[in-house]
């Protein structure tokens, strides 16, 4: 089992980027697919995924 950790920057910005429903969908997607996305080089394991929302694609970085 994995724990999803929200960084202070994510917490500060998420409500202006995603609805509560979209936040839940993102958490579900990550928890069901913990290896999703590409590892950002020289990041120590941070992953970057694309999350489609209401016809818009946003980049989301995961640690």
Protein backbone atom coordinates (compact mmCIF):
# COMPACT_ATOMS: atom_id res chain seq x y z
CA UNK A 1 0.00 0.00 0.00
CA UNK A 2 1.20 3.50 -0.84
CA UNK A 3 0.60 6.87 0.78
CA UNK A 4 -0.07 9.88 -1.44
CA UNK A 5 1.78 12.91 -0.08
CA UNK A 6 0.64 16.39 -1.11
CA UNK A 7 3.42 18.98 -1.09
CA UNK A 8 2.78 22.46 0.35
CA UNK A 9 2.88 23.92 -3.19
CA UNK A 10 0.32 21.36 -4.42
CA UNK A 11 -1.98 22.13 -1.48
CA UNK A 12 -1.67 25.87 -2.16
CA UNK A 13 -2.47 25.59 -5.88
CA UNK A 14 -4.69 22.53 -6.35
CA UNK A 15 -8.05 24.20 -5.69
CA UNK A 16 -7.40 26.72 -8.47
CA UNK A 17 -6.43 23.95 -10.91
CA UNK A 18 -8.74 21.00 -10.19
CA UNK A 19 -12.25 20.52 -8.82
CA UNK A 20 -12.67 18.33 -5.72
CA UNK A 21 -14.00 15.57 -7.99
CA UNK A 22 -10.94 15.84 -10.26
CA UNK A 23 -8.64 15.77 -7.24
CA UNK A 24 -10.31 12.52 -6.17
CA UNK A 25 -9.94 11.09 -9.67
CA UNK A 26 -6.24 12.03 -9.69
CA UNK A 27 -5.68 10.39 -6.29
CA UNK A 28 -7.47 7.24 -7.48
CA UNK A 29 -5.43 7.13 -10.69
CA UNK A 30 -2.15 7.48 -8.76
CA UNK A 31 -3.06 4.98 -6.03
CA UNK A 32 -4.15 2.35 -8.58
CA UNK A 33 -1.09 2.94 -10.81
CA UNK A 34 1.84 4.02 -8.59
CA UNK A 35 4.35 3.61 -11.43
CA UNK A 36 2.36 5.84 -13.81
CA UNK A 37 4.17 8.58 -15.67
CA UNK A 38 7.76 9.23 -16.59
CA UNK A 39 10.50 9.69 -14.00
CA UNK A 40 11.94 13.20 -14.22
CA UNK A 41 15.72 12.90 -14.75
CA UNK A 42 17.90 13.73 -11.73
CA UNK A 43 14.81 14.17 -9.51
CA UNK A 44 15.26 11.31 -7.09
CA UNK A 45 12.14 9.54 -8.37
CA UNK A 46 9.67 12.35 -9.07
CA UNK A 47 7.18 11.31 -11.76
CA UNK A 48 5.32 13.50 -14.22
CA UNK A 49 1.90 12.46 -15.52
CA UNK A 50 -0.73 14.02 -17.76
CA UNK A 51 -4.22 14.36 -16.33
CA UNK A 52 -7.03 15.33 -18.70
CA UNK A 53 -9.72 17.59 -17.22
CA UNK A 54 -12.76 19.03 -18.92
CA UNK A 55 -11.11 19.03 -22.34
CA UNK A 56 -7.84 20.46 -20.98
CA UNK A 57 -4.56 18.61 -20.39
CA UNK A 58 -2.52 19.62 -17.35
CA UNK A 59 0.88 18.28 -16.36
CA UNK A 60 1.07 16.92 -12.82
CA UNK A 61 4.38 16.15 -11.11
CA UNK A 62 4.46 13.29 -8.58
CA UNK A 63 7.15 12.62 -6.01
